[in-house]
Amino acid sequence: AFSATIDRERLIETVYGSEGRPIYHLTPPGTLHALPIEYVGLSIDTADALNLIVLSGFRACPFLGNIDYMITESDQALQHAELLVDMWVQELGCRTSQFKIQQVPQ
């Protein structure tokens, strides 16, 4: 559900200054067993994401409880995480207070 609400193009543009390509796969092209870049994986689909939460038994994002989100100590990692949380709040109806973003040493 969380992956289905990520606007990858916006993420790359906002956080990485358009220096990158959005991917919709777990592994990037060129790595062992990776799907080709042309393969369409999970893209943004808010309706499907909301349905996935309902099917999980939680009914809605606020019922998932608190979520610890651990990232590196870089400013860019923090900007990345904050943008994702904003997307999840807007698209899934999560509460900002559900997410505890914690920067940890590498």
PDB file of N, CA and C in Angstrom:
ATOM      1  N   ALA A   1       0.828  -1.192   0.000  1.00  0.00           N
ATOM      2  CA  ALA A   1       0.000   0.000   0.000  1.00  0.00           C
ATOM      3  C   ALA A   1       0.873   1.256   0.000  1.00  0.00           C
ATOM      4  N   PHE A   2       1.903   1.257   0.819  1.00  0.00           N
ATOM      5  CA  PHE A   2       2.768   2.434   0.888  1.00  0.00           C
ATOM      6  C   PHE A   2       3.476   2.663  -0.447  1.00  0.00           C
ATOM      7  N   SER A   3       3.963   1.618  -1.054  1.00  0.00           N
ATOM      8  CA  SER A   3       4.661   1.741  -2.332  1.00  0.00           C
ATOM      9  C   SER A   3       3.736   2.263  -3.424  1.00  0.00           C
ATOM     10  N   ALA A   4       2.484   1.862  -3.386  1.00  0.00           N
ATOM     11  CA  ALA A   4       1.531   2.252  -4.428  1.00  0.00           C
ATOM     12  C   ALA A   4       1.134   3.720  -4.350  1.00  0.00           C
ATOM     13  N   THR A   5       1.557   4.425  -3.331  1.00  0.00           N
ATOM     14  CA  THR A   5       1.232   5.847  -3.219  1.00  0.00           C
ATOM     15  C   THR A   5       2.456   6.742  -3.377  1.00  0.00           C
ATOM     16  N   ILE A   6       3.570   6.169  -3.763  1.00  0.00           N
ATOM     17  CA  ILE A   6       4.783   6.973  -3.952  1.00  0.00           C
ATOM     18  C   ILE A   6       4.805   7.526  -5.369  1.00  0.00           C
ATOM     19  N   ASP A   7       4.840   8.837  -5.467  1.00  0.00           N
ATOM     20  CA  ASP A   7       4.998   9.512  -6.755  1.00  0.00           C
ATOM     21  C   ASP A   7       6.507   9.592  -7.007  1.00  0.00           C
ATOM     22  N   ARG A   8       7.031   8.595  -7.687  1.00  0.00           N
ATOM     23  CA  ARG A   8       8.473   8.465  -7.865  1.00  0.00           C
ATOM     24  C   ARG A   8       9.082   9.608  -8.670  1.00  0.00           C
ATOM     25  N   GLU A   9       8.365  10.080  -9.672  1.00  0.00           N
ATOM     26  CA  GLU A   9       8.865  11.205 -10.460  1.00  0.00           C
ATOM     27  C   GLU A   9       9.012  12.449  -9.589  1.00  0.00           C
ATOM     28  N   ARG A  10       8.007  12.716  -8.772  1.00  0.00           N
ATOM     29  CA  ARG A  10       8.058  13.869  -7.857  1.00  0.00           C
ATOM     30  C   ARG A  10       9.182  13.706  -6.846  1.00  0.00           C
ATOM     31  N   LEU A  11       9.362  12.503  -6.354  1.00  0.00           N
ATOM     32  CA  LEU A  11      10.426  12.227  -5.392  1.00  0.00           C
ATOM     33  C   LEU A  11      11.798  12.545  -5.988  1.00  0.00           C
ATOM     34  N   ILE A  12      12.042  12.064  -7.196  1.00  0.00           N
ATOM     35  CA  ILE A  12      13.336  12.304  -7.848  1.00  0.00           C
ATOM     36  C   ILE A  12      13.531  13.792  -8.133  1.00  0.00           C
ATOM     37  N   GLU A  13      12.486  14.431  -8.625  1.00  0.00           N
ATOM     38  CA  GLU A  13      12.589  15.852  -8.945  1.00  0.00           C
ATOM     39  C   GLU A  13      12.845  16.688  -7.692  1.00  0.00           C
ATOM     40  N   THR A  14      12.092  16.422  -6.635  1.00  0.00           N
ATOM     41  CA  THR A  14      12.157  17.225  -5.417  1.00  0.00           C
ATOM     42  C   THR A  14      13.426  16.983  -4.606  1.00  0.00           C
ATOM     43  N   VAL A  15      13.762  15.732  -4.406  1.00  0.00           N
ATOM     44  CA  VAL A  15      14.878  15.397  -3.516  1.00  0.00           C
ATOM     45  C   VAL A  15      16.213  15.307  -4.248  1.00  0.00           C
ATOM     46  N   TYR A  16      16.179  14.828  -5.474  1.00  0.00           N
ATOM     47  CA  TYR A  16      17.429  14.542  -6.177  1.00  0.00           C
ATOM     48  C   TYR A  16      17.659  15.449  -7.389  1.00  0.00           C
ATOM     49  N   GLY A  17      16.874  16.520  -7.518  1.00  0.00           N
ATOM     50  CA  GLY A  17      17.069  17.472  -8.590  1.00  0.00           C
ATOM     51  C   GLY A  17      16.989  16.859  -9.973  1.00  0.00           C
ATOM     52  N   SER A  18      16.094  15.899 -10.127  1.00  0.00           N
ATOM     53  CA  SER A  18      15.892  15.194 -11.401  1.00  0.00           C
ATOM     54  C   SER A  18      17.113  14.391 -11.845  1.00  0.00           C
ATOM     55  N   GLU A  19      18.022  14.123 -10.941  1.00  0.00           N
ATOM     56  CA  GLU A  19      19.208  13.312 -11.247  1.00  0.00           C
ATOM     57  C   GLU A  19      18.920  11.855 -10.911  1.00  0.00           C
ATOM     58  N   GLY A  20      18.211  11.197 -11.777  1.00  0.00           N
ATOM     59  CA  GLY A  20      17.893   9.790 -11.558  1.00  0.00           C
ATOM     60  C   GLY A  20      16.717   9.386 -12.416  1.00  0.00           C
ATOM     61  N   ARG A  21      16.371   8.133 -12.315  1.00  0.00           N
ATOM     62  CA  ARG A  21      15.220   7.577 -13.034  1.00  0.00           C
ATOM     63  C   ARG A  21      14.332   6.880 -12.026  1.00  0.00           C
ATOM     64  N   PRO A  22      13.036   7.071 -12.156  1.00  0.00           N
ATOM     65  CA  PRO A  22      12.145   6.342 -11.254  1.00  0.00           C
ATOM     66  C   PRO A  22      12.133   4.864 -11.611  1.00  0.00           C
ATOM     67  N   ILE A  23      12.155   4.005 -10.615  1.00  0.00           N
ATOM     68  CA  ILE A  23      12.021   2.579 -10.863  1.00  0.00           C
ATOM     69  C   ILE A  23      10.828   2.057 -10.071  1.00  0.00           C
ATOM     70  N   TYR A  24      10.262   1.018 -10.564  1.00  0.00           N
ATOM     71  CA  TYR A  24       9.070   0.452  -9.955  1.00  0.00           C
ATOM     72  C   TYR A  24       9.319  -0.995  -9.553  1.00  0.00           C
ATOM     73  N   HIS A  25      10.581  -1.317  -9.336  1.00  0.00           N
ATOM     74  CA  HIS A  25      10.992  -2.676  -9.013  1.00  0.00           C
ATOM     75  C   HIS A  25      11.771  -2.671  -7.712  1.00  0.00           C
ATOM     76  N   LEU A  26      11.926  -3.822  -7.140  1.00  0.00           N
ATOM     77  CA  LEU A  26      12.703  -3.943  -5.915  1.00  0.00           C
ATOM     78  C   LEU A  26      14.198  -3.792  -6.193  1.00  0.00           C
ATOM     79  N   THR A  27      14.643  -4.323  -7.319  1.00  0.00           N
ATOM     80  CA  THR A  27      16.065  -4.249  -7.658  1.00  0.00           C
ATOM     81  C   THR A  27      16.253  -3.422  -8.926  1.00  0.00           C
ATOM     82  N   PRO A  28      17.303  -2.614  -8.978  1.00  0.00           N
ATOM     83  CA  PRO A  28      17.524  -1.807 -10.174  1.00  0.00           C
ATOM     84  C   PRO A  28      17.982  -2.661 -11.350  1.00  0.00           C
ATOM     85  N   PRO A  29      17.671  -2.224 -12.570  1.00  0.00           N
ATOM     86  CA  PRO A  29      18.111  -2.966 -13.755  1.00  0.00           C
ATOM     87  C   PRO A  29      19.623  -3.158 -13.754  1.00  0.00           C
ATOM     88  N   GLY A  30      20.035  -4.314 -14.241  1.00  0.00           N
ATOM     89  CA  GLY A  30      21.469  -4.606 -14.299  1.00  0.00           C
ATOM     90  C   GLY A  30      21.968  -5.442 -13.144  1.00  0.00           C
ATOM     91  N   THR A  31      21.207  -5.502 -12.052  1.00  0.00           N
ATOM     92  CA  THR A  31      21.620  -6.341 -10.929  1.00  0.00           C
ATOM     93  C   THR A  31      21.089  -7.757 -11.138  1.00  0.00           C
ATOM     94  N   LEU A  32      21.673  -8.692 -10.445  1.00  0.00           N
ATOM     95  CA  LEU A  32      21.312 -10.099 -10.583  1.00  0.00           C
ATOM     96  C   LEU A  32      19.811 -10.305 -10.396  1.00  0.00           C
ATOM     97  N   HIS A  33      19.171 -10.949 -11.343  1.00  0.00           N
ATOM     98  CA  HIS A  33      17.748 -11.296 -11.321  1.00  0.00           C
ATOM     99  C   HIS A  33      16.812 -10.092 -11.390  1.00  0.00           C
ATOM    100  N   ALA A  34      17.318  -8.936 -11.753  1.00  0.00           N
ATOM    101  CA  ALA A  34      16.465  -7.746 -11.859  1.00  0.00           C
ATOM    102  C   ALA A  34      15.613  -7.802 -13.121  1.00  0.00           C
ATOM    103  N   LEU A  35      14.445  -7.215 -13.016  1.00  0.00           N
ATOM    104  CA  LEU A  35      13.574  -7.088 -14.182  1.00  0.00           C
ATOM    105  C   LEU A  35      14.108  -5.973 -15.076  1.00  0.00           C
ATOM    106  N   PRO A  36      13.847  -6.043 -16.374  1.00  0.00           N
ATOM    107  CA  PRO A  36      14.285  -4.959 -17.258  1.00  0.00           C
ATOM    108  C   PRO A  36      13.568  -3.654 -16.928  1.00  0.00           C
ATOM    109  N   ILE A  37      14.198  -2.520 -17.209  1.00  0.00           N
ATOM    110  CA  ILE A  37      13.620  -1.216 -16.891  1.00  0.00           C
ATOM    111  C   ILE A  37      12.267  -1.033 -17.559  1.00  0.00           C
ATOM    112  N   GLU A  38      12.048  -1.673 -18.707  1.00  0.00           N
ATOM    113  CA  GLU A  38      10.784  -1.529 -19.423  1.00  0.00           C
ATOM    114  C   GLU A  38       9.628  -2.251 -18.729  1.00  0.00           C
ATOM    115  N   TYR A  39       9.924  -3.181 -17.843  1.00  0.00           N
ATOM    116  CA  TYR A  39       8.887  -3.923 -17.142  1.00  0.00           C
ATOM    117  C   TYR A  39       8.158  -2.977 -16.192  1.00  0.00           C
ATOM    118  N   VAL A  40       6.866  -2.952 -16.276  1.00  0.00           N
ATOM    119  CA  VAL A  40       6.082  -2.068 -15.425  1.00  0.00           C
ATOM    120  C   VAL A  40       5.793  -2.788 -14.116  1.00  0.00           C
ATOM    121  N   GLY A  41       6.300  -2.254 -13.051  1.00  0.00           N
ATOM    122  CA  GLY A  41       6.051  -2.809 -11.725  1.00  0.00           C
ATOM    123  C   GLY A  41       4.913  -2.043 -11.064  1.00  0.00           C
ATOM    124  N   LEU A  42       4.978  -1.896  -9.777  1.00  0.00           N
ATOM    125  CA  LEU A  42       3.942  -1.201  -9.021  1.00  0.00           C
ATOM    126  C   LEU A  42       4.109   0.300  -9.177  1.00  0.00           C
ATOM    127  N   SER A  43       3.103   0.950  -9.736  1.00  0.00           N
ATOM    128  CA  SER A  43       3.145   2.402  -9.879  1.00  0.00           C
ATOM    129  C   SER A  43       2.066   3.015  -8.995  1.00  0.00           C
ATOM    130  N   ILE A  44       1.970   4.323  -9.016  1.00  0.00           N
ATOM    131  CA  ILE A  44       1.046   5.014  -8.123  1.00  0.00           C
ATOM    132  C   ILE A  44      -0.405   4.643  -8.444  1.00  0.00           C
ATOM    133  N   ASP A  45      -1.107   4.186  -7.413  1.00  0.00           N
ATOM    134  CA  ASP A  45      -2.512   3.785  -7.549  1.00  0.00           C
ATOM    135  C   ASP A  45      -3.146   3.879  -6.164  1.00  0.00           C
ATOM    136  N   THR A  46      -3.627   5.067  -5.843  1.00  0.00           N
ATOM    137  CA  THR A  46      -4.166   5.320  -4.503  1.00  0.00           C
ATOM    138  C   THR A  46      -5.361   4.432  -4.175  1.00  0.00           C
ATOM    139  N   ALA A  47      -6.233   4.228  -5.133  1.00  0.00           N
ATOM    140  CA  ALA A  47      -7.411   3.391  -4.874  1.00  0.00           C
ATOM    141  C   ALA A  47      -6.994   1.976  -4.507  1.00  0.00           C
ATOM    142  N   ASP A  48      -6.026   1.431  -5.232  1.00  0.00           N
ATOM    143  CA  ASP A  48      -5.527   0.086  -4.934  1.00  0.00           C
ATOM    144  C   ASP A  48      -4.844   0.061  -3.569  1.00  0.00           C
ATOM    145  N   ALA A  49      -4.091   1.105  -3.271  1.00  0.00           N
ATOM    146  CA  ALA A  49      -3.399   1.181  -1.979  1.00  0.00           C
ATOM    147  C   ALA A  49      -4.389   1.173  -0.817  1.00  0.00           C
ATOM    148  N   LEU A  50      -5.431   1.961  -0.942  1.00  0.00           N
ATOM    149  CA  LEU A  50      -6.452   1.993   0.118  1.00  0.00           C
ATOM    150  C   LEU A  50      -7.132   0.638   0.255  1.00  0.00           C
ATOM    151  N   ASN A  51      -7.383  -0.016  -0.859  1.00  0.00           N
ATOM    152  CA  ASN A  51      -7.988  -1.342  -0.845  1.00  0.00           C
ATOM    153  C   ASN A  51      -7.063  -2.356  -0.161  1.00  0.00           C
ATOM    154  N   LEU A  52      -5.766  -2.246  -0.418  1.00  0.00           N
ATOM    155  CA  LEU A  52      -4.810  -3.157   0.219  1.00  0.00           C
ATOM    156  C   LEU A  52      -4.819  -3.010   1.740  1.00  0.00           C
ATOM    157  N   ILE A  53      -4.948  -1.789   2.223  1.00  0.00           N
ATOM    158  CA  ILE A  53      -5.020  -1.588   3.683  1.00  0.00           C
ATOM    159  C   ILE A  53      -6.293  -2.201   4.241  1.00  0.00           C
ATOM    160  N   VAL A  54      -7.408  -2.009   3.547  1.00  0.00           N
ATOM    161  CA  VAL A  54      -8.675  -2.609   3.990  1.00  0.00           C
ATOM    162  C   VAL A  54      -8.543  -4.127   4.032  1.00  0.00           C
ATOM    163  N   LEU A  55      -7.977  -4.710   2.982  1.00  0.00           N
ATOM    164  CA  LEU A  55      -7.821  -6.162   2.920  1.00  0.00           C
ATOM    165  C   LEU A  55      -6.867  -6.700   3.982  1.00  0.00           C
ATOM    166  N   SER A  56      -5.958  -5.861   4.465  1.00  0.00           N
ATOM    167  CA  SER A  56      -5.000  -6.300   5.485  1.00  0.00           C
ATOM    168  C   SER A  56      -5.674  -6.534   6.836  1.00  0.00           C
ATOM    169  N   GLY A  57      -6.869  -6.009   6.989  1.00  0.00           N
ATOM    170  CA  GLY A  57      -7.563  -6.157   8.271  1.00  0.00           C
ATOM    171  C   GLY A  57      -7.456  -4.915   9.139  1.00  0.00           C
ATOM    172  N   PHE A  58      -6.631  -3.954   8.746  1.00  0.00           N
ATOM    173  CA  PHE A  58      -6.479  -2.738   9.554  1.00  0.00           C
ATOM    174  C   PHE A  58      -7.536  -1.683   9.225  1.00  0.00           C
ATOM    175  N   ARG A  59      -8.175  -1.795   8.075  1.00  0.00           N
ATOM    176  CA  ARG A  59      -9.271  -0.919   7.623  1.00  0.00           C
ATOM    177  C   ARG A  59      -8.815   0.460   7.169  1.00  0.00           C
ATOM    178  N   ALA A  60      -7.831   1.064   7.819  1.00  0.00           N
ATOM    179  CA  ALA A  60      -7.369   2.407   7.454  1.00  0.00           C
ATOM    180  C   ALA A  60      -5.980   2.625   8.042  1.00  0.00           C
ATOM    181  N   CYS A  61      -5.232   3.518   7.444  1.00  0.00           N
ATOM    182  CA  CYS A  61      -3.856   3.753   7.864  1.00  0.00           C
ATOM    183  C   CYS A  61      -3.705   4.092   9.354  1.00  0.00           C
ATOM    184  N   PRO A  62      -4.552   4.947   9.922  1.00  0.00           N
ATOM    185  CA  PRO A  62      -4.381   5.250  11.344  1.00  0.00           C
ATOM    186  C   PRO A  62      -4.427   4.024  12.264  1.00  0.00           C
ATOM    187  N   PHE A  63      -5.102   2.967  11.818  1.00  0.00           N
ATOM    188  CA  PHE A  63      -5.192   1.755  12.630  1.00  0.00           C
ATOM    189  C   PHE A  63      -3.919   0.911  12.588  1.00  0.00           C
ATOM    190  N   LEU A  64      -2.989   1.277  11.701  1.00  0.00           N
ATOM    191  CA  LEU A  64      -1.706   0.556  11.647  1.00  0.00           C
ATOM    192  C   LEU A  64      -0.852   0.839  12.875  1.00  0.00           C
ATOM    193  N   GLY A  65      -1.126   1.925  13.555  1.00  0.00           N
ATOM    194  CA  GLY A  65      -0.345   2.294  14.736  1.00  0.00           C
ATOM    195  C   GLY A  65       0.885   3.087  14.351  1.00  0.00           C
ATOM    196  N   ASN A  66       1.817   3.168  15.287  1.00  0.00           N
ATOM    197  CA  ASN A  66       3.033   3.946  15.063  1.00  0.00           C
ATOM    198  C   ASN A  66       4.018   3.178  14.195  1.00  0.00           C
ATOM    199  N   ILE A  67       4.742   3.923  13.378  1.00  0.00           N
ATOM    200  CA  ILE A  67       5.691   3.330  12.444  1.00  0.00           C
ATOM    201  C   ILE A  67       7.041   3.998  12.635  1.00  0.00           C
ATOM    202  N   ASP A  68       8.053   3.217  12.995  1.00  0.00           N
ATOM    203  CA  ASP A  68       9.420   3.724  13.110  1.00  0.00           C
ATOM    204  C   ASP A  68      10.068   3.665  11.740  1.00  0.00           C
ATOM    205  N   TYR A  69      10.603   4.784  11.299  1.00  0.00           N
ATOM    206  CA  TYR A  69      11.206   4.900   9.978  1.00  0.00           C
ATOM    207  C   TYR A  69      12.661   5.316  10.186  1.00  0.00           C
ATOM    208  N   MET A  70      13.575   4.366  10.028  1.00  0.00           N
ATOM    209  CA  MET A  70      14.988   4.620  10.275  1.00  0.00           C
ATOM    210  C   MET A  70      15.700   4.937   8.965  1.00  0.00           C
ATOM    211  N   ILE A  71      16.474   6.020   8.995  1.00  0.00           N
ATOM    212  CA  ILE A  71      17.198   6.482   7.813  1.00  0.00           C
ATOM    213  C   ILE A  71      18.623   6.863   8.206  1.00  0.00           C
ATOM    214  N   THR A  72      19.452   7.149   7.197  1.00  0.00           N
ATOM    215  CA  THR A  72      20.813   7.616   7.485  1.00  0.00           C
ATOM    216  C   THR A  72      20.762   9.045   8.006  1.00  0.00           C
ATOM    217  N   GLU A  73      21.911   9.554   8.384  1.00  0.00           N
ATOM    218  CA  GLU A  73      21.981  10.885   8.985  1.00  0.00           C
ATOM    219  C   GLU A  73      22.032  12.030   7.977  1.00  0.00           C
ATOM    220  N   SER A  74      21.973  11.749   6.696  1.00  0.00           N
ATOM    221  CA  SER A  74      22.108  12.818   5.700  1.00  0.00           C
ATOM    222  C   SER A  74      20.837  13.662   5.615  1.00  0.00           C
ATOM    223  N   ASP A  75      21.020  14.916   5.244  1.00  0.00           N
ATOM    224  CA  ASP A  75      19.884  15.812   5.045  1.00  0.00           C
ATOM    225  C   ASP A  75      19.000  15.315   3.905  1.00  0.00           C
ATOM    226  N   GLN A  76      19.635  14.746   2.875  1.00  0.00           N
ATOM    227  CA  GLN A  76      18.887  14.244   1.730  1.00  0.00           C
ATOM    228  C   GLN A  76      17.990  13.064   2.127  1.00  0.00           C
ATOM    229  N   ALA A  77      18.505  12.189   2.985  1.00  0.00           N
ATOM    230  CA  ALA A  77      17.696  11.061   3.467  1.00  0.00           C
ATOM    231  C   ALA A  77      16.500  11.572   4.266  1.00  0.00           C
ATOM    232  N   LEU A  78      16.708  12.617   5.050  1.00  0.00           N
ATOM    233  CA  LEU A  78      15.614  13.188   5.828  1.00  0.00           C
ATOM    234  C   LEU A  78      14.573  13.817   4.906  1.00  0.00           C
ATOM    235  N   GLN A  79      15.020  14.547   3.896  1.00  0.00           N
ATOM    236  CA  GLN A  79      14.093  15.149   2.943  1.00  0.00           C
ATOM    237  C   GLN A  79      13.292  14.063   2.215  1.00  0.00           C
ATOM    238  N   HIS A  80      13.958  12.984   1.837  1.00  0.00           N
ATOM    239  CA  HIS A  80      13.329  11.840   1.173  1.00  0.00           C
ATOM    240  C   HIS A  80      12.231  11.257   2.074  1.00  0.00           C
ATOM    241  N   ALA A  81      12.581  10.978   3.308  1.00  0.00           N
ATOM    242  CA  ALA A  81      11.634  10.373   4.250  1.00  0.00           C
ATOM    243  C   ALA A  81      10.451  11.291   4.525  1.00  0.00           C
ATOM    244  N   GLU A  82      10.719  12.575   4.713  1.00  0.00           N
ATOM    245  CA  GLU A  82       9.633  13.516   4.992  1.00  0.00           C
ATOM    246  C   GLU A  82       8.670  13.635   3.805  1.00  0.00           C
ATOM    247  N   LEU A  83       9.201  13.594   2.602  1.00  0.00           N
ATOM    248  CA  LEU A  83       8.336  13.654   1.425  1.00  0.00           C
ATOM    249  C   LEU A  83       7.466  12.400   1.323  1.00  0.00           C
ATOM    250  N   LEU A  84       8.049  11.233   1.591  1.00  0.00           N
ATOM    251  CA  LEU A  84       7.258   9.998   1.564  1.00  0.00           C
ATOM    252  C   LEU A  84       6.149  10.039   2.614  1.00  0.00           C
ATOM    253  N   VAL A  85       6.474  10.482   3.808  1.00  0.00           N
ATOM    254  CA  VAL A  85       5.461  10.571   4.865  1.00  0.00           C
ATOM    255  C   VAL A  85       4.343  11.518   4.432  1.00  0.00           C
ATOM    256  N   ASP A  86       4.707  12.648   3.826  1.00  0.00           N
ATOM    257  CA  ASP A  86       3.686  13.576   3.332  1.00  0.00           C
ATOM    258  C   ASP A  86       2.771  12.898   2.315  1.00  0.00           C
ATOM    259  N   MET A  87       3.363  12.105   1.410  1.00  0.00           N
ATOM    260  CA  MET A  87       2.556  11.390   0.416  1.00  0.00           C
ATOM    261  C   MET A  87       1.600  10.417   1.097  1.00  0.00           C
ATOM    262  N   TRP A  88       2.090   9.693   2.090  1.00  0.00           N
ATOM    263  CA  TRP A  88       1.256   8.712   2.791  1.00  0.00           C
ATOM    264  C   TRP A  88       0.140   9.381   3.585  1.00  0.00           C
ATOM    265  N   VAL A  89       0.430  10.545   4.140  1.00  0.00           N
ATOM    266  CA  VAL A  89      -0.604  11.292   4.862  1.00  0.00           C
ATOM    267  C   VAL A  89      -1.677  11.753   3.875  1.00  0.00           C
ATOM    268  N   GLN A  90      -1.246  12.315   2.747  1.00  0.00           N
ATOM    269  CA  GLN A  90      -2.198  12.839   1.761  1.00  0.00           C
ATOM    270  C   GLN A  90      -2.992  11.730   1.082  1.00  0.00           C
ATOM    271  N   GLU A  91      -2.327  10.666   0.685  1.00  0.00           N
ATOM    272  CA  GLU A  91      -2.980   9.642  -0.133  1.00  0.00           C
ATOM    273  C   GLU A  91      -3.660   8.533   0.660  1.00  0.00           C
ATOM    274  N   LEU A  92      -3.091   8.177   1.807  1.00  0.00           N
ATOM    275  CA  LEU A  92      -3.621   7.048   2.578  1.00  0.00           C
ATOM    276  C   LEU A  92      -4.396   7.467   3.819  1.00  0.00           C
ATOM    277  N   GLY A  93      -4.351   8.761   4.136  1.00  0.00           N
ATOM    278  CA  GLY A  93      -5.050   9.225   5.328  1.00  0.00           C
ATOM    279  C   GLY A  93      -4.323   8.899   6.618  1.00  0.00           C
ATOM    280  N   CYS A  94      -3.023   8.632   6.519  1.00  0.00           N
ATOM    281  CA  CYS A  94      -2.227   8.394   7.722  1.00  0.00           C
ATOM    282  C   CYS A  94      -2.122   9.697   8.515  1.00  0.00           C
ATOM    283  N   ARG A  95      -1.702   9.592   9.753  1.00  0.00           N
ATOM    284  CA  ARG A  95      -1.432  10.767  10.571  1.00  0.00           C
ATOM    285  C   ARG A  95       0.083  10.986  10.591  1.00  0.00           C
ATOM    286  N   THR A  96       0.513  12.217  10.464  1.00  0.00           N
ATOM    287  CA  THR A  96       1.942  12.532  10.520  1.00  0.00           C
ATOM    288  C   THR A  96       2.545  12.010  11.819  1.00  0.00           C
ATOM    289  N   SER A  97       1.791  12.087  12.892  1.00  0.00           N
ATOM    290  CA  SER A  97       2.287  11.661  14.205  1.00  0.00           C
ATOM    291  C   SER A  97       2.526  10.151  14.296  1.00  0.00           C
ATOM    292  N   GLN A  98       2.014   9.379  13.340  1.00  0.00           N
ATOM    293  CA  GLN A  98       2.241   7.929  13.335  1.00  0.00           C
ATOM    294  C   GLN A  98       3.687   7.583  13.025  1.00  0.00           C
ATOM    295  N   PHE A  99       4.378   8.472  12.313  1.00  0.00           N
ATOM    296  CA  PHE A  99       5.715   8.177  11.820  1.00  0.00           C
ATOM    297  C   PHE A  99       6.773   8.826  12.694  1.00  0.00           C
ATOM    298  N   LYS A 100       7.685   7.998  13.156  1.00  0.00           N
ATOM    299  CA  LYS A 100       8.835   8.499  13.907  1.00  0.00           C
ATOM    300  C   LYS A 100      10.047   8.305  13.007  1.00  0.00           C
ATOM    301  N   ILE A 101      10.510   9.399  12.400  1.00  0.00           N
ATOM    302  CA  ILE A 101      11.681   9.334  11.540  1.00  0.00           C
ATOM    303  C   ILE A 101      12.903   9.475  12.432  1.00  0.00           C
ATOM    304  N   GLN A 102      13.754   8.464  12.397  1.00  0.00           N
ATOM    305  CA  GLN A 102      14.932   8.446  13.252  1.00  0.00           C
ATOM    306  C   GLN A 102      16.185   8.315  12.378  1.00  0.00           C
ATOM    307  N   GLN A 103      17.052   9.316  12.475  1.00  0.00           N
ATOM    308  CA  GLN A 103      18.309   9.262  11.736  1.00  0.00           C
ATOM    309  C   GLN A 103      19.335   8.523  12.576  1.00  0.00           C
ATOM    310  N   VAL A 104      19.946   7.501  11.971  1.00  0.00           N
ATOM    311  CA  VAL A 104      20.910   6.663  12.686  1.00  0.00           C
ATOM    312  C   VAL A 104      22.241   6.645  11.912  1.00  0.00           C
ATOM    313  N   PRO A 105      23.342   6.458  12.625  1.00  0.00           N
ATOM    314  CA  PRO A 105      24.650   6.382  11.952  1.00  0.00           C
ATOM    315  C   PRO A 105      24.707   5.180  11.013  1.00  0.00           C
ATOM    316  N   GLN A 106      25.487   5.335   9.947  1.00  0.00           N
ATOM    317  CA  GLN A 106      25.623   4.236   8.987  1.00  0.00           C
ATOM    318  C   GLN A 106      26.519   3.162   9.512  1.00  0.00           C
TER     319      GLN A 106
END
